Amino acid sequence: MALGDINSAAQVHRLAFVRQKLSAEWLTTTLNAYPRFLCYVAEVERRIVGYILWAQKSGFRDQVVLELDQIAVLPARHGEGIGRALIDRSLPLVKAALAQQGLTLKHIIVNTRADNHAQKLYSDALGAEVVATISDLYSADEVFMVARNSRL
């Protein structure tokens, strides 16, 4: 993701996360937090149809605990494999960026609503497993998932 992608990515954010506000500001501040945040877009026919945000957690460490901070795909494009492609294609880029800093990936964490079907995506793509549920955290119960290094 680059600054020139913000408006298009913000449109994806607005449609994917209808309860959230200030989409362009959210993505701009995230993009500006490089290298703590690593941000990528998915394009189809040169149009942004999704994005993924990865975040290093708990400081810059030799072994990184990485968070899949946010992934979004235009609702009209759900079911086309774009979310899976975002994970599969960006994760090697993230690992390479970490290696340039002399860092390696230890684990990936992700959280989502307990009723979100994306849990299957995180399980299938990353090997993530639910390790905790927090009731009524954002808009509903939230599950926290961890993908241990052995599957990454």
C-alpha atoms as a PDB file:
ATOM      1  CA  MET A   1       0.000   0.000   0.000  1.00  0.00           C
ATOM      2  CA  ALA A   2       1.204   3.483  -0.839  1.00  0.00           C
ATOM      3  CA  LEU A   3      -0.213   6.909   0.007  1.00  0.00           C
ATOM      4  CA  GLY A   4      -1.780   7.040  -3.456  1.00  0.00           C
ATOM      5  CA  ASP A   5      -3.824   3.941  -2.559  1.00  0.00           C
ATOM      6  CA  ILE A   6      -5.462   5.467   0.509  1.00  0.00           C
ATOM      7  CA  ASN A   7      -8.697   6.728  -1.073  1.00  0.00           C
ATOM      8  CA  SER A   8      -9.428   3.433  -2.807  1.00  0.00           C
ATOM      9  CA  ALA A   9      -8.448   1.374   0.238  1.00  0.00           C
ATOM     10  CA  ALA A  10     -10.578   3.660   2.421  1.00  0.00           C
ATOM     11  CA  GLN A  11     -13.581   2.827   0.244  1.00  0.00           C
ATOM     12  CA  VAL A  12     -12.943  -0.865   0.936  1.00  0.00           C
ATOM     13  CA  HIS A  13     -12.660  -0.069   4.667  1.00  0.00           C
ATOM     14  CA  ARG A  14     -15.944   1.888   4.687  1.00  0.00           C
ATOM     15  CA  LEU A  15     -17.833  -0.940   3.013  1.00  0.00           C
ATOM     16  CA  ALA A  16     -16.208  -3.744   5.020  1.00  0.00           C
ATOM     17  CA  PHE A  17     -16.390  -2.113   8.464  1.00  0.00           C
ATOM     18  CA  VAL A  18     -19.610  -0.104   8.546  1.00  0.00           C
ATOM     19  CA  ARG A  19     -19.360   0.673  12.294  1.00  0.00           C
ATOM     20  CA  GLN A  20     -15.898   2.211  11.972  1.00  0.00           C
ATOM     21  CA  LYS A  21     -15.257   5.866  11.135  1.00  0.00           C
ATOM     22  CA  LEU A  22     -12.568   8.008   9.477  1.00  0.00           C
ATOM     23  CA  SER A  23     -11.428   5.320   7.041  1.00  0.00           C
ATOM     24  CA  ALA A  24      -8.798   7.397   5.228  1.00  0.00           C
ATOM     25  CA  GLU A  25      -7.326   8.643   8.496  1.00  0.00           C
ATOM     26  CA  TRP A  26      -7.202   5.103   9.906  1.00  0.00           C
ATOM     27  CA  LEU A  27      -5.316   3.783   6.902  1.00  0.00           C
ATOM     28  CA  THR A  28      -3.036   6.816   6.571  1.00  0.00           C
ATOM     29  CA  THR A  29      -1.869   6.639  10.179  1.00  0.00           C
ATOM     30  CA  THR A  30      -1.362   2.892   9.879  1.00  0.00           C
ATOM     31  CA  LEU A  31       0.649   3.248   6.680  1.00  0.00           C
ATOM     32  CA  ASN A  32       2.739   5.985   8.278  1.00  0.00           C
ATOM     33  CA  ALA A  33       3.695   3.616  11.112  1.00  0.00           C
ATOM     34  CA  TYR A  34       6.084   1.638   8.867  1.00  0.00           C
ATOM     35  CA  PRO A  35       8.049  -0.521   9.683  1.00  0.00           C
ATOM     36  CA  ARG A  36       5.903  -1.415  12.679  1.00  0.00           C
ATOM     37  CA  PHE A  37       2.974  -1.832  10.280  1.00  0.00           C
ATOM     38  CA  LEU A  38       3.321  -3.496   6.894  1.00  0.00           C
ATOM     39  CA  CYS A  39       0.425  -2.777   4.550  1.00  0.00           C
ATOM     40  CA  TYR A  40      -0.535  -4.416   1.248  1.00  0.00           C
ATOM     41  CA  VAL A  41      -3.391  -4.100  -1.255  1.00  0.00           C
ATOM     42  CA  ALA A  42      -5.077  -6.555  -3.607  1.00  0.00           C
ATOM     43  CA  GLU A  43      -5.880  -5.305  -7.073  1.00  0.00           C
ATOM     44  CA  VAL A  44      -8.074  -6.741  -9.791  1.00  0.00           C
ATOM     45  CA  GLU A  45      -7.801  -5.002 -13.152  1.00  0.00           C
ATOM     46  CA  ARG A  46      -5.840  -2.178 -11.465  1.00  0.00           C
ATOM     47  CA  ARG A  47      -8.642  -1.524  -8.975  1.00  0.00           C
ATOM     48  CA  ILE A  48      -8.083  -2.024  -5.242  1.00  0.00           C
ATOM     49  CA  VAL A  49     -10.478  -4.691  -4.012  1.00  0.00           C
ATOM     50  CA  GLY A  50      -8.900  -5.438  -0.639  1.00  0.00           C
ATOM     51  CA  TYR A  51      -6.044  -4.809   1.755  1.00  0.00           C
ATOM     52  CA  ILE A  52      -4.199  -6.389   4.662  1.00  0.00           C
ATOM     53  CA  LEU A  53      -2.431  -4.744   7.602  1.00  0.00           C
ATOM     54  CA  TRP A  54       0.262  -6.602   9.567  1.00  0.00           C
ATOM     55  CA  ALA A  55       1.634  -5.222  12.863  1.00  0.00           C
ATOM     56  CA  GLN A  56       4.715  -6.077  14.905  1.00  0.00           C
ATOM     57  CA  LYS A  57       3.642  -6.430  18.529  1.00  0.00           C
ATOM     58  CA  SER A  58       5.425  -5.598  21.778  1.00  0.00           C
ATOM     59  CA  GLY A  59       8.419  -3.787  20.327  1.00  0.00           C
ATOM     60  CA  PHE A  60      10.976  -4.744  17.703  1.00  0.00           C
ATOM     61  CA  ARG A  61      12.208  -8.162  18.829  1.00  0.00           C
ATOM     62  CA  ASP A  62      14.500 -10.755  17.286  1.00  0.00           C
ATOM     63  CA  GLN A  63      11.525 -13.134  17.154  1.00  0.00           C
ATOM     64  CA  VAL A  64       8.465 -11.204  16.044  1.00  0.00           C
ATOM     65  CA  VAL A  65       4.948 -11.779  17.254  1.00  0.00           C
ATOM     66  CA  LEU A  66       3.024 -10.463  14.297  1.00  0.00           C
ATOM     67  CA  GLU A  67      -0.618  -9.456  14.340  1.00  0.00           C
ATOM     68  CA  LEU A  68      -2.872  -9.721  11.358  1.00  0.00           C
ATOM     69  CA  ASP A  69      -4.286  -6.353  12.363  1.00  0.00           C
ATOM     70  CA  GLN A  70      -6.928  -5.997   9.689  1.00  0.00           C
ATOM     71  CA  ILE A  71      -7.959  -7.585   6.427  1.00  0.00           C
ATOM     72  CA  ALA A  72     -10.760  -6.294   4.232  1.00  0.00           C
ATOM     73  CA  VAL A  73     -12.233  -7.193   0.867  1.00  0.00           C
ATOM     74  CA  LEU A  74     -15.001  -5.371  -0.980  1.00  0.00           C
ATOM     75  CA  PRO A  75     -18.229  -7.127   0.015  1.00  0.00           C
ATOM     76  CA  ALA A  76     -19.136  -7.596  -3.664  1.00  0.00           C
ATOM     77  CA  ARG A  77     -15.898  -9.609  -4.093  1.00  0.00           C
ATOM     78  CA  HIS A  78     -16.362 -11.966  -1.117  1.00  0.00           C
ATOM     79  CA  GLY A  79     -15.988 -15.634  -1.956  1.00  0.00           C
ATOM     80  CA  GLU A  80     -13.432 -15.060  -4.727  1.00  0.00           C
ATOM     81  CA  GLY A  81     -10.372 -16.038  -2.678  1.00  0.00           C
ATOM     82  CA  ILE A  82      -9.069 -12.486  -2.373  1.00  0.00           C
ATOM     83  CA  GLY A  83      -8.693 -12.662   1.421  1.00  0.00           C
ATOM     84  CA  ARG A  84      -6.735 -15.905   1.157  1.00  0.00           C
ATOM     85  CA  ALA A  85      -4.573 -14.431  -1.604  1.00  0.00           C
ATOM     86  CA  LEU A  86      -3.853 -11.372   0.542  1.00  0.00           C
ATOM     87  CA  ILE A  87      -2.557 -13.604   3.320  1.00  0.00           C
ATOM     88  CA  ASP A  88      -0.682 -16.029   1.070  1.00  0.00           C
ATOM     89  CA  ARG A  89       0.994 -13.363  -1.055  1.00  0.00           C
ATOM     90  CA  SER A  90       1.761 -10.778   1.611  1.00  0.00           C
ATOM     91  CA  LEU A  91       3.147 -13.085   4.302  1.00  0.00           C
ATOM     92  CA  PRO A  92       6.335 -13.904   2.324  1.00  0.00           C
ATOM     93  CA  LEU A  93       6.809 -10.147   1.773  1.00  0.00           C
ATOM     94  CA  VAL A  94       6.404  -9.559   5.503  1.00  0.00           C
ATOM     95  CA  LYS A  95       8.940 -12.275   6.301  1.00  0.00           C
ATOM     96  CA  ALA A  96      11.386 -10.715   3.828  1.00  0.00           C
ATOM     97  CA  ALA A  97      10.877  -7.251   5.368  1.00  0.00           C
ATOM     98  CA  LEU A  98      11.494  -8.694   8.824  1.00  0.00           C
ATOM     99  CA  ALA A  99      14.633 -10.460   7.587  1.00  0.00           C
ATOM    100  CA  GLN A 100      15.960  -7.129   6.293  1.00  0.00           C
ATOM    101  CA  GLN A 101      15.694  -5.890   9.887  1.00  0.00           C
ATOM    102  CA  GLY A 102      17.468  -9.038  11.124  1.00  0.00           C
ATOM    103  CA  LEU A 103      14.217 -10.397  12.591  1.00  0.00           C
ATOM    104  CA  THR A 104      12.327 -13.682  12.238  1.00  0.00           C
ATOM    105  CA  LEU A 105       8.659 -14.536  12.605  1.00  0.00           C
ATOM    106  CA  LYS A 106       7.723 -16.361  15.814  1.00  0.00           C
ATOM    107  CA  HIS A 107       3.905 -16.387  15.892  1.00  0.00           C
ATOM    108  CA  ILE A 108       0.904 -14.649  14.360  1.00  0.00           C
ATOM    109  CA  ILE A 109      -2.053 -13.449  16.379  1.00  0.00           C
ATOM    110  CA  VAL A 110      -5.415 -12.364  15.046  1.00  0.00           C
ATOM    111  CA  ASN A 111      -8.701 -11.472  16.637  1.00  0.00           C
ATOM    112  CA  THR A 112     -12.172 -11.250  15.169  1.00  0.00           C
ATOM    113  CA  ARG A 113     -15.812 -11.381  16.136  1.00  0.00           C
ATOM    114  CA  ALA A 114     -16.789 -14.780  17.455  1.00  0.00           C
ATOM    115  CA  ASP A 115     -19.459 -15.049  14.759  1.00  0.00           C
ATOM    116  CA  ASN A 116     -17.149 -14.057  11.875  1.00  0.00           C
ATOM    117  CA  HIS A 117     -16.721 -16.776   9.252  1.00  0.00           C
ATOM    118  CA  ALA A 118     -13.164 -15.439   8.681  1.00  0.00           C
ATOM    119  CA  GLN A 119     -12.053 -17.685  11.553  1.00  0.00           C
ATOM    120  CA  LYS A 120     -11.999 -20.515   9.015  1.00  0.00           C
ATOM    121  CA  LEU A 121      -9.765 -18.446   6.730  1.00  0.00           C
ATOM    122  CA  TYR A 122      -7.322 -17.775   9.581  1.00  0.00           C
ATOM    123  CA  SER A 123      -7.340 -21.435  10.551  1.00  0.00           C
ATOM    124  CA  ASP A 124      -6.872 -22.693   6.991  1.00  0.00           C
ATOM    125  CA  ALA A 125      -4.342 -20.084   5.815  1.00  0.00           C
ATOM    126  CA  LEU A 126      -2.288 -19.695   8.980  1.00  0.00           C
ATOM    127  CA  GLY A 127      -3.086 -22.667  11.175  1.00  0.00           C
ATOM    128  CA  ALA A 128      -4.472 -20.246  13.770  1.00  0.00           C
ATOM    129  CA  GLU A 129      -6.425 -21.659  16.699  1.00  0.00           C
ATOM    130  CA  VAL A 130      -8.807 -19.916  19.081  1.00  0.00           C
ATOM    131  CA  VAL A 131      -7.089 -19.457  22.436  1.00  0.00           C
ATOM    132  CA  ALA A 132      -9.447 -17.031  24.175  1.00  0.00           C
ATOM    133  CA  THR A 133     -12.815 -15.346  23.894  1.00  0.00           C
ATOM    134  CA  ILE A 134     -13.612 -11.963  25.394  1.00  0.00           C
ATOM    135  CA  SER A 135     -17.285 -11.160  25.672  1.00  0.00           C
ATOM    136  CA  ASP A 136     -18.664  -7.857  24.403  1.00  0.00           C
ATOM    137  CA  LEU A 137     -15.265  -6.376  23.505  1.00  0.00           C
ATOM    138  CA  TYR A 138     -16.009  -4.245  20.425  1.00  0.00           C
ATOM    139  CA  SER A 139     -19.385  -4.897  18.838  1.00  0.00           C
ATOM    140  CA  ALA A 140     -19.797  -8.469  20.084  1.00  0.00           C
ATOM    141  CA  ASP A 141     -17.801 -11.338  21.567  1.00  0.00           C
ATOM    142  CA  GLU A 142     -14.258 -11.417  20.184  1.00  0.00           C
ATOM    143  CA  VAL A 143     -12.042 -14.476  19.705  1.00  0.00           C
ATOM    144  CA  PHE A 144      -8.265 -14.344  19.857  1.00  0.00           C
ATOM    145  CA  MET A 145      -6.404 -16.787  17.659  1.00  0.00           C
ATOM    146  CA  VAL A 146      -2.736 -17.770  17.534  1.00  0.00           C
ATOM    147  CA  ALA A 147      -0.781 -19.354  14.706  1.00  0.00           C
ATOM    148  CA  ARG A 148       2.320 -20.956  16.157  1.00  0.00           C
ATOM    149  CA  ASN A 149       5.567 -20.844  14.192  1.00  0.00           C
ATOM    150  CA  SER A 150       5.456 -24.546  13.394  1.00  0.00           C
ATOM    151  CA  ARG A 151       2.746 -23.902  10.761  1.00  0.00           C
ATOM    152  CA  LEU A 152       4.210 -20.686   9.350  1.00  0.00           C
END
